[in-house]
Amino acid sequence: MITKEKVLEQLEIHKGSTISGSSLAAELGVSRNAIWKAITSLREDGYHIDAGSNRGYCLSSDSDLISREAILPLIHSDIDLKVLDVTGSTNKDCKILALDEPDRPAVVIANRQTAGRGRRGRTFYSPSDTGIYISFLFKPRHDITSGILITVAVSVAVARAAEEVSGRDIQIKWVNDLYSGGKKICGILTEAVTDMETSTISYVIPGIGINCSTKDFPDTAGSVAGSLGGGFSRNELAAKVIDNVMDMLPDLDKRDFLEYYREHSMVLGKDINYFSAGDDKGSPARAKDIDRNGGLIIELPDGTTKTLNTGEISIRLK
């Protein structure tokens, strides 16, 4: 870790409080001039750091730039964490990391994506400074049939984190969208890295995009897009999401998150239309329940039931 990163870590730990340059220099084992250079560089990066003679340095309590140094002290998970200002896609970054066959889970977070994606090839709008774009890379303990269950578990992990940090009520639209106040505030895309020789899944990559305070959306996002409204720390929300996901995935077989998912579902008990790939008309049904593998049990107009269990199927409320 370079001096600049070490200084930022200390400022984040003492966020809102003043710490003297001499104390920082002694703590990090560097000169006061090195501390001053690090502070200057951090200010150029956009950090609001107050300073005064005989007072030291203070990182503003309103500072909300996403950083590794701010997130790491807030989590207990054993992960490799990479935080980027700008990237094409955090899911793609995780696919590249998978080439090195890491032994422990990795997490990539970005402040902005230039090529964020949703399901079925859709674009996920990912502007700077107003959202969190985060992807996980881990070795699965289940086969490909558990893809929906993993997405359901991640949805619950993110919903719990968003409720706790923002104070907003969160609802889940099967299978991977989170809503608040009738607006979509989060999308989740779960992908996999496969071994063609053995026909097995090497790694699973859940990607999460959360609109924290985004206000202006492109026309392609439609009128449904919204945000959590801000007023909270993006670093704190990112840390909660990381710990919730990492705590939940090892115990996937317990399925104890399904009850939360059902309680927060915005579709159960309601009339819907469901769409398969290439189907623009849709078919009517009534959402009845979530099965033990995360599939959506629906009742058809003739009274029979079927289970939707693939991410290539989408639903809309009537």
C-alpha atoms as a PDB file:
ATOM      1  CA  MET A   1       0.000   0.000   0.000  1.00  0.00           C
ATOM      2  CA  ILE A   2       1.479   3.362  -1.036  1.00  0.00           C
ATOM      3  CA  THR A   3       1.604   6.389   1.271  1.00  0.00           C
ATOM      4  CA  LYS A   4      -1.428   8.021  -0.348  1.00  0.00           C
ATOM      5  CA  GLU A   5      -3.557   4.929   0.294  1.00  0.00           C
ATOM      6  CA  LYS A   6      -2.310   4.655   3.871  1.00  0.00           C
ATOM      7  CA  VAL A   7      -3.139   8.306   4.526  1.00  0.00           C
ATOM      8  CA  LEU A   8      -6.636   7.846   3.088  1.00  0.00           C
ATOM      9  CA  GLU A   9      -7.159   4.792   5.277  1.00  0.00           C
ATOM     10  CA  GLN A  10      -6.299   6.802   8.396  1.00  0.00           C
ATOM     11  CA  LEU A  11      -8.485   9.721   7.325  1.00  0.00           C
ATOM     12  CA  GLU A  12     -11.408   7.351   6.735  1.00  0.00           C
ATOM     13  CA  ILE A  13     -10.906   5.778  10.171  1.00  0.00           C
ATOM     14  CA  HIS A  14     -10.957   9.265  11.741  1.00  0.00           C
ATOM     15  CA  LYS A  15     -13.538  10.677   9.314  1.00  0.00           C
ATOM     16  CA  GLY A  16     -15.056  13.913  10.633  1.00  0.00           C
ATOM     17  CA  SER A  17     -12.252  14.325  13.184  1.00  0.00           C
ATOM     18  CA  THR A  18      -8.904  16.084  12.944  1.00  0.00           C
ATOM     19  CA  ILE A  19      -5.635  14.192  12.932  1.00  0.00           C
ATOM     20  CA  SER A  20      -2.325  16.020  12.944  1.00  0.00           C
ATOM     21  CA  GLY A  21       0.256  15.718  10.202  1.00  0.00           C
ATOM     22  CA  SER A  22       2.881  14.709  12.768  1.00  0.00           C
ATOM     23  CA  SER A  23       0.620  11.934  14.073  1.00  0.00           C
ATOM     24  CA  LEU A  24       0.035  10.662  10.549  1.00  0.00           C
ATOM     25  CA  ALA A  25       3.749  10.784   9.792  1.00  0.00           C
ATOM     26  CA  ALA A  26       4.613   8.877  12.969  1.00  0.00           C
ATOM     27  CA  GLU A  27       1.833   6.309  12.417  1.00  0.00           C
ATOM     28  CA  LEU A  28       2.900   5.615   8.829  1.00  0.00           C
ATOM     29  CA  GLY A  29       6.649   5.999   9.297  1.00  0.00           C
ATOM     30  CA  VAL A  30       7.049   8.703   6.643  1.00  0.00           C
ATOM     31  CA  SER A  31       7.955  12.393   6.560  1.00  0.00           C
ATOM     32  CA  ARG A  32       5.451  15.205   7.036  1.00  0.00           C
ATOM     33  CA  ASN A  33       6.290  16.317   3.508  1.00  0.00           C
ATOM     34  CA  ALA A  34       5.163  12.888   2.236  1.00  0.00           C
ATOM     35  CA  ILE A  35       1.908  13.358   4.167  1.00  0.00           C
ATOM     36  CA  TRP A  36       1.395  16.787   2.577  1.00  0.00           C
ATOM     37  CA  LYS A  37       1.977  15.374  -0.922  1.00  0.00           C
ATOM     38  CA  ALA A  38      -0.515  12.567  -0.241  1.00  0.00           C
ATOM     39  CA  ILE A  39      -3.127  15.054   1.012  1.00  0.00           C
ATOM     40  CA  THR A  40      -2.605  17.216  -2.091  1.00  0.00           C
ATOM     41  CA  SER A  41      -3.084  14.191  -4.366  1.00  0.00           C
ATOM     42  CA  LEU A  42      -6.228  13.097  -2.514  1.00  0.00           C
ATOM     43  CA  ARG A  43      -7.701  16.579  -2.881  1.00  0.00           C
ATOM     44  CA  GLU A  44      -7.015  16.412  -6.603  1.00  0.00           C
ATOM     45  CA  ASP A  45      -8.969  13.136  -6.630  1.00  0.00           C
ATOM     46  CA  GLY A  46     -11.968  14.956  -5.162  1.00  0.00           C
ATOM     47  CA  TYR A  47     -11.661  14.284  -1.428  1.00  0.00           C
ATOM     48  CA  HIS A  48     -12.757  17.196   0.778  1.00  0.00           C
ATOM     49  CA  ILE A  49      -9.948  17.479   3.334  1.00  0.00           C
ATOM     50  CA  ASP A  50      -9.838  20.504   5.635  1.00  0.00           C
ATOM     51  CA  ALA A  51      -6.536  21.671   7.093  1.00  0.00           C
ATOM     52  CA  GLY A  52      -5.263  24.515   9.244  1.00  0.00           C
ATOM     53  CA  SER A  53      -2.185  25.591  11.124  1.00  0.00           C
ATOM     54  CA  ASN A  54      -1.724  23.567  14.289  1.00  0.00           C
ATOM     55  CA  ARG A  55      -4.992  21.714  13.608  1.00  0.00           C
ATOM     56  CA  GLY A  56      -4.038  18.927  11.243  1.00  0.00           C
ATOM     57  CA  TYR A  57      -6.218  17.289   8.585  1.00  0.00           C
ATOM     58  CA  CYS A  58      -9.886  16.358   8.603  1.00  0.00           C
ATOM     59  CA  LEU A  59     -11.750  14.329   5.980  1.00  0.00           C
ATOM     60  CA  SER A  60     -15.228  15.826   5.716  1.00  0.00           C
ATOM     61  CA  SER A  61     -17.952  13.662   7.210  1.00  0.00           C
ATOM     62  CA  ASP A  62     -19.918  14.352   4.007  1.00  0.00           C
ATOM     63  CA  SER A  63     -17.230  12.776   1.824  1.00  0.00           C
ATOM     64  CA  ASP A  64     -18.731   9.868  -0.119  1.00  0.00           C
ATOM     65  CA  LEU A  65     -16.139   8.845  -2.682  1.00  0.00           C
ATOM     66  CA  ILE A  66     -16.030   5.063  -2.925  1.00  0.00           C
ATOM     67  CA  SER A  67     -12.654   3.682  -1.894  1.00  0.00           C
ATOM     68  CA  ARG A  68     -11.028   0.453  -0.788  1.00  0.00           C
ATOM     69  CA  GLU A  69      -9.654   2.254   2.253  1.00  0.00           C
ATOM     70  CA  ALA A  70     -13.144   3.274   3.380  1.00  0.00           C
ATOM     71  CA  ILE A  71     -14.769  -0.121   2.801  1.00  0.00           C
ATOM     72  CA  LEU A  72     -12.183  -2.522   4.226  1.00  0.00           C
ATOM     73  CA  PRO A  73     -12.472  -1.321   7.861  1.00  0.00           C
ATOM     74  CA  LEU A  74     -16.252  -1.830   7.667  1.00  0.00           C
ATOM     75  CA  ILE A  75     -16.297  -5.490   6.552  1.00  0.00           C
ATOM     76  CA  HIS A  76     -15.458  -8.787   8.213  1.00  0.00           C
ATOM     77  CA  SER A  77     -15.444 -10.911   5.042  1.00  0.00           C
ATOM     78  CA  ASP A  78     -12.220 -12.529   3.801  1.00  0.00           C
ATOM     79  CA  ILE A  79     -12.099 -11.300   0.208  1.00  0.00           C
ATOM     80  CA  ASP A  80      -9.823  -9.718  -2.361  1.00  0.00           C
ATOM     81  CA  LEU A  81     -11.291  -6.253  -2.906  1.00  0.00           C
ATOM     82  CA  LYS A  82     -10.651  -4.066  -5.941  1.00  0.00           C
ATOM     83  CA  VAL A  83     -12.195  -0.583  -6.190  1.00  0.00           C
ATOM     84  CA  LEU A  84     -12.128   1.317  -9.483  1.00  0.00           C
ATOM     85  CA  ASP A  85     -13.229   4.809 -10.405  1.00  0.00           C
ATOM     86  CA  VAL A  86     -14.261   3.835 -13.942  1.00  0.00           C
ATOM     87  CA  THR A  87     -14.527   0.478 -15.691  1.00  0.00           C
ATOM     88  CA  GLY A  88     -16.412  -1.052 -18.580  1.00  0.00           C
ATOM     89  CA  SER A  89     -18.183  -3.740 -16.569  1.00  0.00           C
ATOM     90  CA  THR A  90     -17.429  -5.126 -13.117  1.00  0.00           C
ATOM     91  CA  ASN A  91     -18.747  -8.525 -14.250  1.00  0.00           C
ATOM     92  CA  LYS A  92     -16.238  -8.501 -17.101  1.00  0.00           C
ATOM     93  CA  ASP A  93     -13.487  -7.522 -14.661  1.00  0.00           C
ATOM     94  CA  CYS A  94     -14.362 -10.569 -12.549  1.00  0.00           C
ATOM     95  CA  LYS A  95     -14.227 -12.813 -15.613  1.00  0.00           C
ATOM     96  CA  ILE A  96     -10.675 -11.590 -16.221  1.00  0.00           C
ATOM     97  CA  LEU A  97      -9.765 -12.227 -12.575  1.00  0.00           C
ATOM     98  CA  ALA A  98     -11.108 -15.771 -12.938  1.00  0.00           C
ATOM     99  CA  LEU A  99      -8.344 -16.525 -15.461  1.00  0.00           C
ATOM    100  CA  ASP A 100      -5.860 -16.519 -12.568  1.00  0.00           C
ATOM    101  CA  GLU A 101      -8.003 -19.076 -10.693  1.00  0.00           C
ATOM    102  CA  PRO A 102      -8.060 -17.240  -7.338  1.00  0.00           C
ATOM    103  CA  ASP A 103      -8.338 -19.319  -4.173  1.00  0.00           C
ATOM    104  CA  ARG A 104     -10.660 -16.950  -2.325  1.00  0.00           C
ATOM    105  CA  PRO A 105     -13.622 -14.804  -3.342  1.00  0.00           C
ATOM    106  CA  ALA A 106     -12.970 -11.514  -5.091  1.00  0.00           C
ATOM    107  CA  VAL A 107     -15.095  -8.365  -5.240  1.00  0.00           C
ATOM    108  CA  VAL A 108     -14.834  -5.570  -7.801  1.00  0.00           C
ATOM    109  CA  ILE A 109     -16.560  -2.232  -7.191  1.00  0.00           C
ATOM    110  CA  ALA A 110     -16.739   0.724  -9.555  1.00  0.00           C
ATOM    111  CA  ASN A 111     -17.893   4.305  -9.197  1.00  0.00           C
ATOM    112  CA  ARG A 112     -18.943   4.292 -12.863  1.00  0.00           C
ATOM    113  CA  GLN A 113     -19.424   1.744 -15.652  1.00  0.00           C
ATOM    114  CA  THR A 114     -19.217   2.555 -19.336  1.00  0.00           C
ATOM    115  CA  ALA A 115     -20.684  -0.762 -20.487  1.00  0.00           C
ATOM    116  CA  GLY A 116     -22.896  -1.942 -17.642  1.00  0.00           C
ATOM    117  CA  ARG A 117     -25.292  -4.717 -18.614  1.00  0.00           C
ATOM    118  CA  GLY A 118     -28.558  -6.148 -17.413  1.00  0.00           C
ATOM    119  CA  ARG A 119     -30.393  -9.319 -18.355  1.00  0.00           C
ATOM    120  CA  ARG A 120     -31.146 -10.211 -21.966  1.00  0.00           C
ATOM    121  CA  GLY A 121     -28.461  -7.842 -23.270  1.00  0.00           C
ATOM    122  CA  ARG A 122     -30.012  -4.680 -21.860  1.00  0.00           C
ATOM    123  CA  THR A 123     -27.853  -1.712 -20.874  1.00  0.00           C
ATOM    124  CA  PHE A 124     -27.610  -0.804 -17.180  1.00  0.00           C
ATOM    125  CA  TYR A 125     -27.151   2.950 -16.745  1.00  0.00           C
ATOM    126  CA  SER A 126     -24.120   3.448 -14.467  1.00  0.00           C
ATOM    127  CA  PRO A 127     -23.211   7.149 -14.019  1.00  0.00           C
ATOM    128  CA  SER A 128     -20.489   8.529 -11.746  1.00  0.00           C
ATOM    129  CA  ASP A 129     -20.879   9.329  -8.053  1.00  0.00           C
ATOM    130  CA  THR A 130     -24.544   8.331  -7.685  1.00  0.00           C
ATOM    131  CA  GLY A 131     -24.520   4.534  -7.624  1.00  0.00           C
ATOM    132  CA  ILE A 132     -22.681   1.392  -6.602  1.00  0.00           C
ATOM    133  CA  TYR A 133     -21.681  -1.176  -9.226  1.00  0.00           C
ATOM    134  CA  ILE A 134     -20.324  -4.316  -7.622  1.00  0.00           C
ATOM    135  CA  SER A 135     -19.561  -7.877  -8.755  1.00  0.00           C
ATOM    136  CA  PHE A 136     -18.534 -10.996  -6.836  1.00  0.00           C
ATOM    137  CA  LEU A 137     -16.342 -13.849  -8.043  1.00  0.00           C
ATOM    138  CA  PHE A 138     -16.518 -17.141  -6.161  1.00  0.00           C
ATOM    139  CA  LYS A 139     -16.358 -20.873  -6.679  1.00  0.00           C
ATOM    140  CA  PRO A 140     -19.835 -22.415  -6.603  1.00  0.00           C
ATOM    141  CA  ARG A 141     -20.844 -25.288  -4.374  1.00  0.00           C
ATOM    142  CA  HIS A 142     -23.807 -26.078  -6.613  1.00  0.00           C
ATOM    143  CA  ASP A 143     -24.434 -26.861 -10.262  1.00  0.00           C
ATOM    144  CA  ILE A 144     -25.976 -24.612 -12.896  1.00  0.00           C
ATOM    145  CA  THR A 145     -29.506 -25.464 -11.772  1.00  0.00           C
ATOM    146  CA  SER A 146     -28.908 -23.337  -8.678  1.00  0.00           C
ATOM    147  CA  GLY A 147     -28.427 -20.158 -10.716  1.00  0.00           C
ATOM    148  CA  ILE A 148     -31.833 -18.755  -9.824  1.00  0.00           C
ATOM    149  CA  LEU A 149     -31.359 -19.648  -6.138  1.00  0.00           C
ATOM    150  CA  ILE A 150     -28.048 -17.758  -6.047  1.00  0.00           C
ATOM    151  CA  THR A 151     -29.715 -14.705  -7.607  1.00  0.00           C
ATOM    152  CA  VAL A 152     -32.547 -14.924  -5.080  1.00  0.00           C
ATOM    153  CA  ALA A 153     -30.057 -15.110  -2.198  1.00  0.00           C
ATOM    154  CA  VAL A 154     -28.115 -12.118  -3.517  1.00  0.00           C
ATOM    155  CA  SER A 155     -31.373 -10.177  -3.945  1.00  0.00           C
ATOM    156  CA  VAL A 156     -32.185 -10.745  -0.279  1.00  0.00           C
ATOM    157  CA  ALA A 157     -28.645  -9.793   0.783  1.00  0.00           C
ATOM    158  CA  VAL A 158     -28.824  -6.503  -1.122  1.00  0.00           C
ATOM    159  CA  ALA A 159     -32.389  -5.721  -0.023  1.00  0.00           C
ATOM    160  CA  ARG A 160     -31.469  -6.176   3.642  1.00  0.00           C
ATOM    161  CA  ALA A 161     -28.415  -3.950   3.240  1.00  0.00           C
ATOM    162  CA  ALA A 162     -30.390  -1.250   1.415  1.00  0.00           C
ATOM    163  CA  GLU A 163     -33.146  -1.232   4.026  1.00  0.00           C
ATOM    164  CA  GLU A 164     -30.674  -1.010   6.901  1.00  0.00           C
ATOM    165  CA  VAL A 165     -28.491   1.738   5.432  1.00  0.00           C
ATOM    166  CA  SER A 166     -31.068   3.874   3.604  1.00  0.00           C
ATOM    167  CA  GLY A 167     -34.081   3.306   5.853  1.00  0.00           C
ATOM    168  CA  ARG A 168     -36.260   2.732   2.780  1.00  0.00           C
ATOM    169  CA  ASP A 169     -38.703  -0.143   2.337  1.00  0.00           C
ATOM    170  CA  ILE A 170     -37.524  -2.528  -0.376  1.00  0.00           C
ATOM    171  CA  GLN A 171     -39.574  -4.886  -2.536  1.00  0.00           C
ATOM    172  CA  ILE A 172     -38.299  -7.628  -4.832  1.00  0.00           C
ATOM    173  CA  LYS A 173     -39.627  -8.321  -8.311  1.00  0.00           C
ATOM    174  CA  TRP A 174     -38.851 -11.869  -9.385  1.00  0.00           C
ATOM    175  CA  VAL A 175     -36.168 -12.672 -10.053  1.00  0.00           C
ATOM    176  CA  ASN A 176     -33.550  -9.977  -9.829  1.00  0.00           C
ATOM    177  CA  ASP A 177     -34.910  -6.437  -9.525  1.00  0.00           C
ATOM    178  CA  LEU A 178     -35.287  -4.403  -6.334  1.00  0.00           C
ATOM    179  CA  TYR A 179     -37.876  -1.643  -6.027  1.00  0.00           C
ATOM    180  CA  SER A 180     -38.537   1.169  -3.584  1.00  0.00           C
ATOM    181  CA  GLY A 181     -41.457   3.557  -3.798  1.00  0.00           C
ATOM    182  CA  GLY A 182     -42.614   1.851  -6.987  1.00  0.00           C
ATOM    183  CA  LYS A 183     -39.322   2.525  -8.788  1.00  0.00           C
ATOM    184  CA  LYS A 184     -36.548   0.125  -9.742  1.00  0.00           C
ATOM    185  CA  ILE A 185     -33.475   0.965  -7.680  1.00  0.00           C
ATOM    186  CA  CYS A 186     -31.324  -2.132  -8.268  1.00  0.00           C
ATOM    187  CA  GLY A 187     -30.712  -4.820 -10.875  1.00  0.00           C
ATOM    188  CA  ILE A 188     -28.789  -8.076 -10.456  1.00  0.00           C
ATOM    189  CA  LEU A 189     -27.178 -10.114 -13.225  1.00  0.00           C
ATOM    190  CA  THR A 190     -25.715 -13.537 -12.368  1.00  0.00           C
ATOM    191  CA  GLU A 191     -23.241 -15.011 -14.842  1.00  0.00           C
ATOM    192  CA  ALA A 192     -20.881 -17.980 -14.795  1.00  0.00           C
ATOM    193  CA  VAL A 193     -17.425 -18.951 -16.016  1.00  0.00           C
ATOM    194  CA  THR A 194     -17.553 -22.511 -17.354  1.00  0.00           C
ATOM    195  CA  ASP A 195     -14.950 -25.182 -18.034  1.00  0.00           C
ATOM    196  CA  MET A 196     -15.728 -26.492 -21.518  1.00  0.00           C
ATOM    197  CA  GLU A 197     -13.628 -29.645 -21.070  1.00  0.00           C
ATOM    198  CA  THR A 198     -15.473 -30.822 -17.966  1.00  0.00           C
ATOM    199  CA  SER A 199     -18.791 -29.046 -18.637  1.00  0.00           C
ATOM    200  CA  THR A 200     -18.744 -27.645 -15.090  1.00  0.00           C
ATOM    201  CA  ILE A 201     -19.032 -24.177 -13.606  1.00  0.00           C
ATOM    202  CA  SER A 202     -15.677 -22.830 -12.478  1.00  0.00           C
ATOM    203  CA  TYR A 203     -16.912 -19.538 -10.998  1.00  0.00           C
ATOM    204  CA  VAL A 204     -20.172 -17.679 -10.430  1.00  0.00           C
ATOM    205  CA  ILE A 205     -20.339 -13.892 -10.874  1.00  0.00           C
ATOM    206  CA  PRO A 206     -23.336 -12.025  -9.419  1.00  0.00           C
ATOM    207  CA  GLY A 207     -23.251  -8.396 -10.589  1.00  0.00           C
ATOM    208  CA  ILE A 208     -25.216  -5.716  -8.728  1.00  0.00           C
ATOM    209  CA  GLY A 209     -26.087  -2.185  -9.767  1.00  0.00           C
ATOM    210  CA  ILE A 210     -27.672   0.075  -7.131  1.00  0.00           C
ATOM    211  CA  ASN A 211     -29.012   3.564  -7.860  1.00  0.00           C
ATOM    212  CA  CYS A 212     -28.181   5.416  -4.658  1.00  0.00           C
ATOM    213  CA  SER A 213     -28.991   9.005  -5.610  1.00  0.00           C
ATOM    214  CA  THR A 214     -29.312   8.966  -9.415  1.00  0.00           C
ATOM    215  CA  LYS A 215     -31.900  11.451 -10.646  1.00  0.00           C
ATOM    216  CA  ASP A 216     -31.588  11.808 -14.411  1.00  0.00           C
ATOM    217  CA  PHE A 217     -32.086   8.598 -16.371  1.00  0.00           C
ATOM    218  CA  PRO A 218     -31.903   8.052 -20.133  1.00  0.00           C
ATOM    219  CA  ASP A 219     -35.093   7.393 -22.064  1.00  0.00           C
ATOM    220  CA  THR A 220     -34.054   3.746 -22.451  1.00  0.00           C
ATOM    221  CA  ALA A 221     -34.473   3.272 -18.693  1.00  0.00           C
ATOM    222  CA  GLY A 222     -38.146   4.102 -19.003  1.00  0.00           C
ATOM    223  CA  SER A 223     -40.311   5.686 -16.316  1.00  0.00           C
ATOM    224  CA  VAL A 224     -39.716   2.818 -13.884  1.00  0.00           C
ATOM    225  CA  ALA A 225     -36.135   3.772 -12.932  1.00  0.00           C
ATOM    226  CA  GLY A 226     -35.524   5.434  -9.573  1.00  0.00           C
ATOM    227  CA  SER A 227     -33.068   5.597  -6.700  1.00  0.00           C
ATOM    228  CA  LEU A 228     -32.788   5.219  -2.931  1.00  0.00           C
ATOM    229  CA  GLY A 229     -32.643   9.004  -2.609  1.00  0.00           C
ATOM    230  CA  GLY A 230     -29.179   9.317  -1.086  1.00  0.00           C
ATOM    231  CA  GLY A 231     -28.501  10.718   2.367  1.00  0.00           C
ATOM    232  CA  PHE A 232     -26.299   7.780   3.378  1.00  0.00           C
ATOM    233  CA  SER A 233     -22.748   6.532   2.824  1.00  0.00           C
ATOM    234  CA  ARG A 234     -22.184   4.556  -0.367  1.00  0.00           C
ATOM    235  CA  ASN A 235     -19.142   2.973   1.271  1.00  0.00           C
ATOM    236  CA  GLU A 236     -21.293   1.768   4.172  1.00  0.00           C
ATOM    237  CA  LEU A 237     -23.888   0.331   1.785  1.00  0.00           C
ATOM    238  CA  ALA A 238     -21.187  -1.417  -0.265  1.00  0.00           C
ATOM    239  CA  ALA A 239     -19.715  -2.909   2.924  1.00  0.00           C
ATOM    240  CA  LYS A 240     -23.134  -4.179   4.071  1.00  0.00           C
ATOM    241  CA  VAL A 241     -23.782  -5.741   0.673  1.00  0.00           C
ATOM    242  CA  ILE A 242     -20.396  -7.488   0.707  1.00  0.00           C
ATOM    243  CA  ASP A 243     -20.844  -8.954   4.184  1.00  0.00           C
ATOM    244  CA  ASN A 244     -24.476  -9.952   3.577  1.00  0.00           C
ATOM    245  CA  VAL A 245     -23.643 -11.752   0.339  1.00  0.00           C
ATOM    246  CA  MET A 246     -20.550 -13.472   1.740  1.00  0.00           C
ATOM    247  CA  ASP A 247     -22.424 -14.552   4.893  1.00  0.00           C
ATOM    248  CA  MET A 248     -25.327 -15.963   2.902  1.00  0.00           C
ATOM    249  CA  LEU A 249     -23.694 -17.885   0.057  1.00  0.00           C
ATOM    250  CA  PRO A 250     -21.972 -20.604   2.155  1.00  0.00           C
ATOM    251  CA  ASP A 251     -25.329 -21.480   3.727  1.00  0.00           C
ATOM    252  CA  LEU A 252     -27.334 -21.546   0.511  1.00  0.00           C
ATOM    253  CA  ASP A 253     -28.680 -25.016   1.295  1.00  0.00           C
ATOM    254  CA  LYS A 254     -30.474 -23.732   4.395  1.00  0.00           C
ATOM    255  CA  ARG A 255     -32.712 -21.581   2.195  1.00  0.00           C
ATOM    256  CA  ASP A 256     -33.634 -19.486   5.240  1.00  0.00           C
ATOM    257  CA  PHE A 257     -33.594 -16.366   3.051  1.00  0.00           C
ATOM    258  CA  LEU A 258     -36.611 -17.564   1.051  1.00  0.00           C
ATOM    259  CA  GLU A 259     -39.080 -16.391   3.682  1.00  0.00           C
ATOM    260  CA  TYR A 260     -37.694 -12.844   3.514  1.00  0.00           C
ATOM    261  CA  TYR A 261     -37.887 -13.036  -0.275  1.00  0.00           C
ATOM    262  CA  ARG A 262     -41.553 -14.060  -0.134  1.00  0.00           C
ATOM    263  CA  GLU A 263     -42.413 -11.373   2.434  1.00  0.00           C
ATOM    264  CA  HIS A 264     -40.804  -8.675   0.285  1.00  0.00           C
ATOM    265  CA  SER A 265     -42.105  -9.920  -3.052  1.00  0.00           C
ATOM    266  CA  MET A 266     -44.002  -7.338  -5.082  1.00  0.00           C
ATOM    267  CA  VAL A 267     -45.617  -9.965  -7.345  1.00  0.00           C
ATOM    268  CA  LEU A 268     -46.970 -12.770  -5.140  1.00  0.00           C
ATOM    269  CA  GLY A 269     -50.760 -12.839  -5.143  1.00  0.00           C
ATOM    270  CA  LYS A 270     -50.950 -10.556  -8.179  1.00  0.00           C
ATOM    271  CA  ASP A 271     -51.851 -10.961 -11.834  1.00  0.00           C
ATOM    272  CA  ILE A 272     -48.876 -10.881 -14.170  1.00  0.00           C
ATOM    273  CA  ASN A 273     -47.816 -11.446 -17.766  1.00  0.00           C
ATOM    274  CA  TYR A 274     -44.750 -13.611 -18.307  1.00  0.00           C
ATOM    275  CA  PHE A 275     -42.492 -13.449 -21.341  1.00  0.00           C
ATOM    276  CA  SER A 276     -40.115 -16.072 -22.706  1.00  0.00           C
ATOM    277  CA  ALA A 277     -37.154 -15.152 -24.909  1.00  0.00           C
ATOM    278  CA  GLY A 278     -38.433 -13.846 -28.250  1.00  0.00           C
ATOM    279  CA  ASP A 279     -42.021 -13.512 -26.983  1.00  0.00           C
ATOM    280  CA  ASP A 280     -43.323  -9.944 -27.150  1.00  0.00           C
ATOM    281  CA  LYS A 281     -46.985 -10.715 -26.432  1.00  0.00           C
ATOM    282  CA  GLY A 282     -46.659 -12.484 -23.093  1.00  0.00           C
ATOM    283  CA  SER A 283     -48.991 -14.893 -21.349  1.00  0.00           C
ATOM    284  CA  PRO A 284     -51.323 -14.148 -18.421  1.00  0.00           C
ATOM    285  CA  ALA A 285     -50.954 -15.833 -15.032  1.00  0.00           C
ATOM    286  CA  ARG A 286     -51.200 -15.231 -11.298  1.00  0.00           C
ATOM    287  CA  ALA A 287     -48.056 -15.334  -9.132  1.00  0.00           C
ATOM    288  CA  LYS A 288     -48.663 -17.846  -6.331  1.00  0.00           C
ATOM    289  CA  ASP A 289     -45.419 -18.690  -4.505  1.00  0.00           C
ATOM    290  CA  ILE A 290     -41.619 -19.070  -4.602  1.00  0.00           C
ATOM    291  CA  ASP A 291     -40.413 -22.690  -4.597  1.00  0.00           C
ATOM    292  CA  ARG A 292     -37.400 -24.001  -2.666  1.00  0.00           C
ATOM    293  CA  ASN A 293     -35.078 -23.366  -5.618  1.00  0.00           C
ATOM    294  CA  GLY A 294     -36.173 -19.770  -6.163  1.00  0.00           C
ATOM    295  CA  GLY A 295     -38.568 -20.524  -9.023  1.00  0.00           C
ATOM    296  CA  LEU A 296     -41.807 -18.566  -9.358  1.00  0.00           C
ATOM    297  CA  ILE A 297     -44.915 -20.748  -9.111  1.00  0.00           C
ATOM    298  CA  ILE A 298     -47.701 -19.329 -11.266  1.00  0.00           C
ATOM    299  CA  GLU A 299     -51.338 -20.271 -11.837  1.00  0.00           C
ATOM    300  CA  LEU A 300     -52.529 -20.259 -15.443  1.00  0.00           C
ATOM    301  CA  PRO A 301     -56.027 -19.168 -16.556  1.00  0.00           C
ATOM    302  CA  ASP A 302     -57.127 -22.840 -16.786  1.00  0.00           C
ATOM    303  CA  GLY A 303     -56.270 -23.406 -13.116  1.00  0.00           C
ATOM    304  CA  THR A 304     -53.084 -25.439 -13.694  1.00  0.00           C
ATOM    305  CA  THR A 305     -49.753 -24.363 -12.222  1.00  0.00           C
ATOM    306  CA  LYS A 306     -46.233 -24.203 -13.565  1.00  0.00           C
ATOM    307  CA  THR A 307     -42.893 -22.958 -12.264  1.00  0.00           C
ATOM    308  CA  LEU A 308     -40.778 -20.321 -13.946  1.00  0.00           C
ATOM    309  CA  ASN A 309     -37.153 -21.099 -13.209  1.00  0.00           C
ATOM    310  CA  THR A 310     -34.970 -19.458 -15.809  1.00  0.00           C
ATOM    311  CA  GLY A 311     -33.572 -15.948 -16.050  1.00  0.00           C
ATOM    312  CA  GLU A 312     -34.578 -15.897 -19.739  1.00  0.00           C
ATOM    313  CA  ILE A 313     -38.181 -15.468 -18.611  1.00  0.00           C
ATOM    314  CA  SER A 314     -39.328 -12.031 -17.474  1.00  0.00           C
ATOM    315  CA  ILE A 315     -42.562 -10.914 -15.848  1.00  0.00           C
ATOM    316  CA  ARG A 316     -44.630  -7.750 -15.716  1.00  0.00           C
ATOM    317  CA  LEU A 317     -47.361  -6.784 -13.317  1.00  0.00           C
ATOM    318  CA  LYS A 318     -50.722  -6.149 -14.954  1.00  0.00           C
END
